Amino acid sequence: MTNLDLLKKRYEAYLKSRLNLDGGAGQAVSRLIINGGKRLRSRLLFLSAQACGTAPKDSLLALAAAVEFIHGASLLHDDVLDGAKLRRGADTAHKAFGTREAILGGDFLLTEALSLLLKGGGPSAVASAARAAVRMVRGEALELDYSSRNLVPSKAAVIKIAGDKTASLFCASAELGAIASKAGSRTRSALAGFGELFGLAFQYTDDILDIEGSEKSLGKGVGLDFREGIATLPLVLALEGLKASEKTLIMAAFGKPDCAKFPEAIRIIRRTGCPLARRAALLLLQRAEDCLAALDKSAARDNLQALVISLRNRKN
């Protein structure tokens, strides 16, 4: 068993040990965290710390769990706000266990994350994660403001929403690895920049797959954001270059789940907006790679590079 395998095993056990919550809320939390996703944010934290020369230790486990819990809380709360039915191919927590239970589960994860941040990195770690959490809420609030009025925001606003909702926690994850390693300001800034750019590219890729993917591969409905009146980069970029008749067709289907024009609207966005959004994601990934130049050569830096390559090739 490799050191990476041992770390993963220890980390999964550590996550389970922190999920002490009863009732439906506890079930909602346990299913989400234990069944987990890609653990991409915690992996970014571990690799960032290792790139700074820090070996795996308990404080890193605590910080990585905090990041995972903040992410999990955002998923539980967002699914309630969005009325989502599927998450990772299964019923969302609020559908399976109840709305109150899902909200309480998210609250538990946030408070547990605060405790873990203090334990693993002290005030500096709390400050980094708090900046991300504030941005996440602001991004969600801005998105909700537009979607509740069935409006398509400007490209600048869509980029800000994606940065605040998603890239912020990637940024904090990488920065927390540097904080745990007591890295210098130059290294800390480079890793935070890498996390921000990588996270933004990750969100753009998610948005592209929401339009191009299948329900089976995504674990949720195709074009779900579009159906719910949530504008993403492929839509906004598509609208910039379309003729009036195609814009009218798309806007007739936007935010209207049962509209007969939905399939054609998705086809138009796939043809026009998705290639432009993919180009934007690739440019961000190039800039993320440039941030790694500030780090000493190491296996961890190579693994951060591998994350970029994996995202470039992501299909689901």
Protein backbone atom coordinates (compact mmCIF):
# COMPACT_ATOMS: atom_id res chain seq x y z
CA MET A 1 0.00 0.00 0.00
CA THR A 2 1.44 3.40 -1.00
CA ASN A 3 1.68 6.46 1.25
CA LEU A 4 -1.14 8.01 -0.78
CA ASP A 5 -3.35 4.96 -0.20
CA LEU A 6 -2.60 5.07 3.51
CA LEU A 7 -3.43 8.77 3.66
CA LYS A 8 -6.72 8.20 1.85
CA LYS A 9 -7.65 5.39 4.23
CA ARG A 10 -6.82 7.52 7.28
CA TYR A 11 -8.73 10.45 5.86
CA GLU A 12 -11.90 8.48 5.17
CA ALA A 13 -11.80 7.07 8.71
CA TYR A 14 -11.27 10.56 10.10
CA LEU A 15 -14.28 11.92 8.20
CA LYS A 16 -16.51 9.17 9.59
CA SER A 17 -15.28 9.81 13.13
CA ARG A 18 -16.50 13.43 12.99
CA LEU A 19 -20.06 12.65 11.87
CA ASN A 20 -21.70 12.48 15.27
CA LEU A 21 -25.26 13.58 14.59
CA ASP A 22 -28.53 11.76 15.31
CA GLY A 23 -31.78 11.35 13.41
CA GLY A 24 -32.61 12.21 9.82
CA ALA A 25 -30.13 15.09 9.83
CA GLY A 26 -27.38 12.65 10.76
CA GLN A 27 -28.46 10.29 8.00
CA ALA A 28 -28.44 13.12 5.47
CA VAL A 29 -24.93 14.14 6.49
CA SER A 30 -23.53 10.62 6.64
CA ARG A 31 -24.85 9.62 3.24
CA LEU A 32 -23.50 12.76 1.59
CA ILE A 33 -20.04 12.67 3.18
CA ILE A 34 -19.37 8.94 3.37
CA ASN A 35 -20.60 8.23 -0.14
CA GLY A 36 -18.67 11.36 -1.10
CA GLY A 37 -17.71 12.81 -4.44
CA LYS A 38 -14.25 13.20 -5.93
CA ARG A 39 -12.72 14.65 -2.71
CA LEU A 40 -11.09 17.12 -5.09
CA ARG A 41 -10.87 20.03 -2.65
CA SER A 42 -9.31 17.96 0.12
CA ARG A 43 -6.94 16.39 -2.39
CA LEU A 44 -5.89 19.87 -3.48
CA LEU A 45 -5.21 20.75 0.16
CA PHE A 46 -3.06 17.63 0.72
CA LEU A 47 -1.08 18.18 -2.48
CA SER A 48 -0.54 21.86 -1.71
CA ALA A 49 0.84 20.99 1.72
CA GLN A 50 3.08 18.30 0.24
CA ALA A 51 4.30 20.74 -2.42
CA CYS A 52 5.44 22.93 0.47
CA GLY A 53 7.35 19.99 1.98
CA THR A 54 4.84 18.98 4.66
CA ALA A 55 4.26 15.28 5.27
CA PRO A 56 0.75 14.00 6.12
CA LYS A 57 -0.21 14.72 9.72
CA ASP A 58 -3.33 14.98 11.86
CA SER A 59 -3.66 18.74 11.42
CA LEU A 60 -3.93 18.23 7.66
CA LEU A 61 -6.68 15.65 8.19
CA ALA A 62 -8.62 18.18 10.25
CA LEU A 63 -8.24 20.94 7.65
CA ALA A 64 -9.15 18.64 4.77
CA ALA A 65 -12.24 17.45 6.65
CA ALA A 66 -13.22 21.08 7.27
CA VAL A 67 -13.04 21.80 3.55
CA GLU A 68 -15.09 18.71 2.76
CA PHE A 69 -17.69 19.69 5.37
CA ILE A 70 -18.01 23.26 4.06
CA HIS A 71 -18.50 21.88 0.58
CA GLY A 72 -21.03 19.33 1.86
CA ALA A 73 -22.99 22.00 3.73
CA SER A 74 -23.21 24.10 0.57
CA LEU A 75 -24.57 21.10 -1.36
CA LEU A 76 -27.23 20.35 1.25
CA HIS A 77 -28.37 23.97 1.46
CA ASP A 78 -28.15 24.64 -2.29
CA ASP A 79 -30.27 21.60 -3.11
CA VAL A 80 -32.97 22.94 -0.79
CA LEU A 81 -32.79 26.41 -2.34
CA ASP A 82 -32.87 25.01 -5.87
CA GLY A 83 -35.51 22.35 -5.17
CA ALA A 84 -33.12 19.82 -6.73
CA LYS A 85 -34.28 16.22 -6.95
CA LEU A 86 -31.05 14.36 -7.72
CA ARG A 87 -27.53 14.53 -6.31
CA ARG A 88 -24.88 12.04 -7.47
CA GLY A 89 -27.52 9.85 -9.03
CA ALA A 90 -29.68 9.54 -5.89
CA ASP A 91 -32.48 11.51 -4.27
CA THR A 92 -31.25 14.74 -2.71
CA ALA A 93 -31.10 14.83 1.09
CA HIS A 94 -34.15 17.03 1.47
CA LYS A 95 -36.15 14.59 -0.68
CA ALA A 96 -34.89 11.51 1.14
CA PHE A 97 -34.83 12.76 4.74
CA GLY A 98 -36.80 16.03 4.83
CA THR A 99 -36.09 19.72 4.32
CA ARG A 100 -35.53 20.50 8.00
CA GLU A 101 -33.15 17.56 8.31
CA ALA A 102 -31.14 18.65 5.28
CA ILE A 103 -30.82 22.21 6.58
CA LEU A 104 -29.83 21.04 10.05
CA GLY A 105 -27.31 18.66 8.51
CA GLY A 106 -25.73 21.52 6.62
CA ASP A 107 -25.65 23.64 9.78
CA PHE A 108 -23.91 20.81 11.63
CA LEU A 109 -21.25 20.49 8.92
CA LEU A 110 -20.51 24.22 9.04
CA THR A 111 -20.12 24.31 12.82
CA GLU A 112 -18.02 21.15 12.79
CA ALA A 113 -15.83 22.71 10.09
CA LEU A 114 -15.18 25.72 12.32
CA SER A 115 -13.97 23.44 15.11
CA LEU A 116 -11.72 21.52 12.71
CA LEU A 117 -10.22 24.70 11.27
CA LEU A 118 -9.26 25.91 14.72
CA LYS A 119 -7.83 22.51 15.57
CA GLY A 120 -5.87 22.11 12.36
CA GLY A 121 -4.62 25.59 11.56
CA GLY A 122 -5.69 28.14 14.15
CA PRO A 123 -6.90 31.69 13.38
CA SER A 124 -5.17 31.91 9.98
CA ALA A 125 -7.00 28.82 8.77
CA VAL A 126 -10.31 30.10 10.08
CA ALA A 127 -9.76 33.43 8.32
CA SER A 128 -8.98 31.75 4.99
CA ALA A 129 -12.03 29.49 5.12
CA ALA A 130 -14.25 32.34 6.32
CA ARG A 131 -13.29 34.44 3.29
CA ALA A 132 -14.31 31.55 1.07
CA ALA A 133 -17.58 30.95 2.95
CA VAL A 134 -18.58 34.61 2.70
CA ARG A 135 -17.89 34.56 -1.02
CA MET A 136 -19.91 31.37 -1.44
CA VAL A 137 -22.95 32.95 0.21
CA ARG A 138 -22.59 36.14 -1.81
CA GLY A 139 -22.33 34.15 -5.02
CA GLU A 140 -25.43 32.14 -4.17
CA ALA A 141 -27.33 35.31 -3.25
CA LEU A 142 -26.41 37.01 -6.52
CA GLU A 143 -27.38 33.94 -8.55
CA LEU A 144 -30.69 33.68 -6.65
CA ASP A 145 -31.42 37.35 -7.31
CA TYR A 146 -31.18 36.81 -11.07
CA SER A 147 -32.86 33.38 -11.20
CA SER A 148 -35.80 34.44 -9.02
CA ARG A 149 -36.56 37.11 -11.64
CA ASN A 150 -35.80 34.77 -14.56
CA LEU A 151 -33.09 37.14 -15.78
CA VAL A 152 -29.83 36.37 -17.58
CA PRO A 153 -26.95 38.27 -15.95
CA SER A 154 -24.05 39.85 -17.79
CA LYS A 155 -20.94 37.82 -18.56
CA ALA A 156 -19.09 39.67 -15.79
CA ALA A 157 -21.81 38.78 -13.28
CA VAL A 158 -21.80 35.11 -14.32
CA ILE A 159 -18.02 34.97 -13.91
CA LYS A 160 -18.31 36.57 -10.46
CA ILE A 161 -20.99 34.07 -9.43
CA ALA A 162 -18.85 31.13 -10.56
CA GLY A 163 -15.80 32.54 -8.82
CA ASP A 164 -17.61 33.17 -5.55
CA LYS A 165 -19.73 30.01 -5.45
CA THR A 166 -17.07 27.52 -6.56
CA ALA A 167 -13.56 28.88 -7.06
CA SER A 168 -13.47 30.46 -3.60
CA LEU A 169 -13.33 27.11 -1.78
CA PHE A 170 -10.73 25.71 -4.18
CA CYS A 171 -8.66 28.81 -3.46
CA ALA A 172 -9.02 28.31 0.28
CA SER A 173 -8.21 24.59 0.00
CA ALA A 174 -4.88 25.27 -1.68
CA GLU A 175 -4.13 28.17 0.67
CA LEU A 176 -4.89 26.03 3.73
CA GLY A 177 -2.27 23.54 2.58
CA ALA A 178 0.25 26.38 2.50
CA ILE A 179 -0.92 27.69 5.88
CA ALA A 180 -0.50 24.25 7.47
CA SER A 181 3.03 24.18 6.06
CA LYS A 182 3.86 27.69 7.28
CA ALA A 183 4.87 28.54 3.72
CA GLY A 184 6.07 32.00 2.75
CA SER A 185 3.78 34.62 1.25
CA ARG A 186 5.00 33.99 -2.33
CA THR A 187 4.24 30.26 -2.16
CA ARG A 188 0.96 30.83 -0.36
CA SER A 189 -0.13 33.35 -3.00
CA ALA A 190 0.88 31.02 -5.85
CA LEU A 191 -1.12 28.12 -4.42
CA ALA A 192 -4.15 30.29 -3.69
CA GLY A 193 -3.99 31.60 -7.25
CA PHE A 194 -3.75 28.07 -8.61
CA GLY A 195 -6.79 27.04 -6.57
CA GLU A 196 -8.84 30.03 -7.72
CA LEU A 197 -8.08 29.52 -11.41
CA PHE A 198 -8.50 25.76 -11.25
CA GLY A 199 -11.79 26.13 -9.39
CA LEU A 200 -13.17 28.58 -11.94
CA ALA A 201 -12.20 26.23 -14.78
CA PHE A 202 -13.84 23.39 -12.85
CA GLN A 203 -17.11 25.33 -12.65
CA TYR A 204 -17.03 26.22 -16.34
CA THR A 205 -16.49 22.54 -17.14
CA ASP A 206 -19.42 21.60 -14.90
CA ASP A 207 -21.56 24.13 -16.74
CA ILE A 208 -20.53 22.70 -20.11
CA LEU A 209 -21.31 19.15 -19.00
CA ASP A 210 -24.70 20.28 -17.71
CA ILE A 211 -25.52 21.12 -21.33
CA GLU A 212 -23.58 18.39 -23.15
CA GLY A 213 -23.80 15.42 -20.80
CA SER A 214 -26.37 12.71 -20.18
CA GLU A 215 -28.46 12.17 -17.04
CA LYS A 216 -26.72 8.83 -16.49
CA SER A 217 -23.21 10.29 -16.63
CA LEU A 218 -24.02 13.40 -14.60
CA GLY A 219 -26.23 11.82 -11.93
CA LYS A 220 -28.75 14.62 -12.48
CA GLY A 221 -30.95 15.99 -15.24
CA VAL A 222 -29.42 17.46 -18.41
CA GLY A 223 -29.71 21.22 -18.74
CA LEU A 224 -30.88 21.40 -15.13
CA ASP A 225 -29.59 24.92 -14.52
CA PHE A 226 -31.18 26.17 -17.73
CA ARG A 227 -34.51 24.53 -16.82
CA GLU A 228 -34.45 26.26 -13.44
CA GLY A 229 -33.65 29.69 -14.84
CA ILE A 230 -30.02 29.67 -13.67
CA ALA A 231 -27.72 31.27 -16.23
CA THR A 232 -24.23 29.84 -16.72
CA LEU A 233 -21.33 30.77 -18.98
CA PRO A 234 -22.31 28.61 -22.00
CA LEU A 235 -25.72 30.29 -22.11
CA VAL A 236 -24.37 33.81 -21.74
CA LEU A 237 -21.68 33.29 -24.39
CA ALA A 238 -24.23 31.73 -26.74
CA LEU A 239 -26.56 34.71 -26.43
CA GLU A 240 -23.75 37.13 -27.29
CA GLY A 241 -23.42 35.81 -30.83
CA LEU A 242 -26.83 34.50 -31.83
CA LYS A 243 -29.26 36.00 -34.28
CA ALA A 244 -32.48 37.42 -32.87
CA SER A 245 -34.67 34.42 -33.70
CA GLU A 246 -32.38 31.97 -31.87
CA LYS A 247 -32.13 34.29 -28.87
CA THR A 248 -35.92 34.48 -28.75
CA LEU A 249 -36.20 30.69 -28.87
CA ILE A 250 -33.69 30.22 -26.06
CA MET A 251 -35.29 32.83 -23.82
CA ALA A 252 -38.72 31.28 -24.44
CA ALA A 253 -37.42 28.04 -22.90
CA PHE A 254 -35.21 29.56 -20.17
CA GLY A 255 -36.57 28.76 -16.72
CA LYS A 256 -39.57 26.90 -18.12
CA PRO A 257 -39.08 23.18 -17.38
CA ASP A 258 -41.93 21.92 -19.54
CA CYS A 259 -41.35 24.13 -22.57
CA ALA A 260 -41.46 22.24 -25.88
CA LYS A 261 -38.61 24.42 -27.18
CA PHE A 262 -36.19 23.15 -24.50
CA PRO A 263 -34.45 20.47 -26.65
CA GLU A 264 -33.79 22.92 -29.48
CA ALA A 265 -32.55 25.57 -27.04
CA ILE A 266 -30.06 23.08 -25.58
CA ARG A 267 -28.88 22.10 -29.06
CA ILE A 268 -28.20 25.74 -29.92
CA ILE A 269 -26.24 26.32 -26.69
CA ARG A 270 -24.24 23.12 -27.31
CA ARG A 271 -23.34 24.33 -30.78
CA THR A 272 -22.47 27.93 -29.90
CA GLY A 273 -21.88 28.59 -26.22
CA CYS A 274 -20.18 25.37 -25.10
CA PRO A 275 -17.12 25.65 -27.40
CA LEU A 276 -16.56 29.23 -26.23
CA ALA A 277 -16.91 28.24 -22.57
CA ARG A 278 -14.48 25.37 -23.08
CA ARG A 279 -11.96 27.78 -24.57
CA ALA A 280 -12.33 30.01 -21.51
CA ALA A 281 -11.78 27.02 -19.21
CA LEU A 282 -8.63 25.98 -21.08
CA LEU A 283 -7.19 29.50 -20.79
CA LEU A 284 -7.81 29.45 -17.05
CA LEU A 285 -6.05 26.10 -16.75
CA GLN A 286 -3.04 27.49 -18.59
CA ARG A 287 -2.88 30.34 -16.11
CA ALA A 288 -3.22 27.85 -13.24
CA GLU A 289 -0.23 25.93 -14.58
CA ASP A 290 1.76 29.16 -14.66
CA CYS A 291 1.15 29.54 -10.91
CA LEU A 292 2.90 26.22 -10.29
CA ALA A 293 6.15 27.65 -11.64
CA ALA A 294 6.62 29.39 -8.28
CA LEU A 295 6.84 26.01 -6.52
CA ASP A 296 9.93 23.83 -6.20
CA LYS A 297 9.96 20.74 -8.37
CA SER A 298 8.44 17.79 -6.54
CA ALA A 299 6.10 14.83 -6.96
CA ALA A 300 3.34 16.91 -5.35
CA ARG A 301 3.79 19.68 -7.91
CA ASP A 302 3.58 17.04 -10.64
CA ASN A 303 0.35 15.78 -9.08
CA LEU A 304 -1.09 19.30 -9.08
CA GLN A 305 -0.18 19.44 -12.76
CA ALA A 306 -1.98 16.11 -13.19
CA LEU A 307 -5.14 17.66 -11.75
CA VAL A 308 -5.02 20.25 -14.53
CA ILE A 309 -4.58 17.57 -17.18
CA SER A 310 -7.45 15.55 -15.72
CA LEU A 311 -9.78 18.56 -15.79
CA ARG A 312 -8.79 19.33 -19.39
CA ASN A 313 -9.92 15.82 -20.33
CA ARG A 314 -12.98 15.60 -18.07
CA LYS A 315 -16.04 14.04 -19.69
CA ASN A 316 -18.40 13.62 -16.71
